[in-house]
């Protein structure tokens, strides 16, 4: 799925997102990590159709749907744990 340029421009304004997108080796490690795979499995299992709708909405610039899904994920123990581990992989200390 190709990200529309306007959304990519917006994403590049975030220093952390921009740094991740520019570091291809780190991006590959994150995308291939077991935590990312587990997070995607969790999203698919718990949010199924909502995940597809949210992804399509985000591609078209609707950040509200993505924000809502992110809050639901972070509100679950498994989702919060996986996101914390992914943050650690990308160098973010929390």
Protein backbone atom coordinates (compact mmCIF):
# COMPACT_ATOMS: atom_id res chain seq x y z
CA UNK A 1 0.00 0.00 0.00
CA UNK A 2 1.52 3.31 -1.09
CA UNK A 3 1.28 6.20 1.36
CA UNK A 4 -0.04 9.38 -0.29
CA UNK A 5 2.63 12.10 -0.42
CA UNK A 6 0.65 14.46 1.83
CA UNK A 7 0.56 11.85 4.61
CA UNK A 8 4.24 11.05 4.13
CA UNK A 9 5.09 14.75 4.37
CA UNK A 10 3.10 14.96 7.60
CA UNK A 11 4.82 11.86 8.99
CA UNK A 12 8.25 13.28 8.18
CA UNK A 13 7.51 16.29 10.42
CA UNK A 14 7.78 14.00 13.44
CA UNK A 15 11.51 13.71 14.27
CA UNK A 16 11.22 10.14 15.59
CA UNK A 17 9.21 8.92 12.60
CA UNK A 18 11.54 10.70 10.18
CA UNK A 19 14.62 9.16 11.82
CA UNK A 20 13.09 5.68 11.65
CA UNK A 21 12.11 6.06 8.00
CA UNK A 22 15.61 7.29 7.10
CA UNK A 23 17.38 4.42 8.90
CA UNK A 24 16.60 1.52 6.57
CA UNK A 25 18.49 -1.05 8.66
CA UNK A 26 16.58 -0.12 11.82
CA UNK A 27 13.30 -0.02 9.93
CA UNK A 28 13.92 -3.53 8.58
CA UNK A 29 14.79 -4.83 12.07
CA UNK A 30 11.61 -3.34 13.50
CA UNK A 31 9.43 -4.63 10.66
CA UNK A 32 10.88 -8.15 10.98
CA UNK A 33 10.98 -8.32 14.77
CA UNK A 34 8.91 -10.91 16.62
CA UNK A 35 7.29 -8.08 18.61
CA UNK A 36 6.03 -6.41 15.43
CA UNK A 37 4.71 -9.72 14.14
CA UNK A 38 2.99 -10.40 17.47
CA UNK A 39 1.51 -6.89 17.51
CA UNK A 40 0.10 -7.41 14.02
CA UNK A 41 -1.37 -10.77 15.07
CA UNK A 42 -2.92 -9.14 18.13
CA UNK A 43 -4.36 -6.33 16.03
CA UNK A 44 -5.80 -8.80 13.53
CA UNK A 45 -7.31 -11.02 16.22
CA UNK A 46 -8.81 -8.26 18.35
CA UNK A 47 -9.67 -5.64 15.79
CA UNK A 48 -10.06 -7.53 12.48
CA UNK A 49 -12.37 -5.48 10.26
CA UNK A 50 -11.73 -2.32 12.26
CA UNK A 51 -8.01 -2.61 11.46
CA UNK A 52 -8.65 -2.64 7.70
CA UNK A 53 -11.06 0.29 7.94
CA UNK A 54 -8.61 2.24 10.13
CA UNK A 55 -5.74 1.64 7.71
CA UNK A 56 -7.83 2.86 4.78
CA UNK A 57 -8.99 5.90 6.75
CA UNK A 58 -5.40 6.76 7.73
CA UNK A 59 -4.25 6.53 4.13
CA UNK A 60 -6.92 9.09 3.26
CA UNK A 61 -5.85 11.42 6.06
CA UNK A 62 -8.32 10.46 8.82
CA UNK A 63 -6.14 10.48 11.91
CA UNK A 64 -9.08 10.12 14.31
CA UNK A 65 -9.65 6.45 13.43
CA UNK A 66 -5.95 5.69 13.87
CA UNK A 67 -5.81 7.56 17.16
CA UNK A 68 -8.82 5.65 18.46
CA UNK A 69 -7.32 2.29 17.52
CA UNK A 70 -3.97 3.24 19.07
CA UNK A 71 -5.70 4.10 22.34
CA UNK A 72 -7.46 0.74 22.34
CA UNK A 73 -4.20 -1.09 21.69
CA UNK A 74 -2.32 0.83 24.38
CA UNK A 75 -5.20 0.18 26.77
CA UNK A 76 -4.63 -3.57 26.56
CA UNK A 77 -1.87 -5.17 28.61
CA UNK A 78 -0.48 -7.12 25.63
CA UNK A 79 -0.61 -4.12 23.28
CA UNK A 80 1.09 -1.82 25.77
CA UNK A 81 3.84 -4.37 26.40
CA UNK A 82 4.49 -4.91 22.70
CA UNK A 83 4.55 -1.18 21.96
CA UNK A 84 6.98 -0.62 24.82
CA UNK A 85 9.29 -3.29 23.42
CA UNK A 86 9.10 -1.76 19.94
CA UNK A 87 9.91 1.66 21.40
CA UNK A 88 12.99 0.16 23.04
CA UNK A 89 14.08 -1.34 19.72
CA UNK A 90 13.92 2.07 18.07
CA UNK A 91 15.92 3.67 20.87
CA UNK A 92 13.08 5.45 22.67
CA UNK A 93 13.47 5.32 26.43
CA UNK A 94 10.27 5.32 28.49
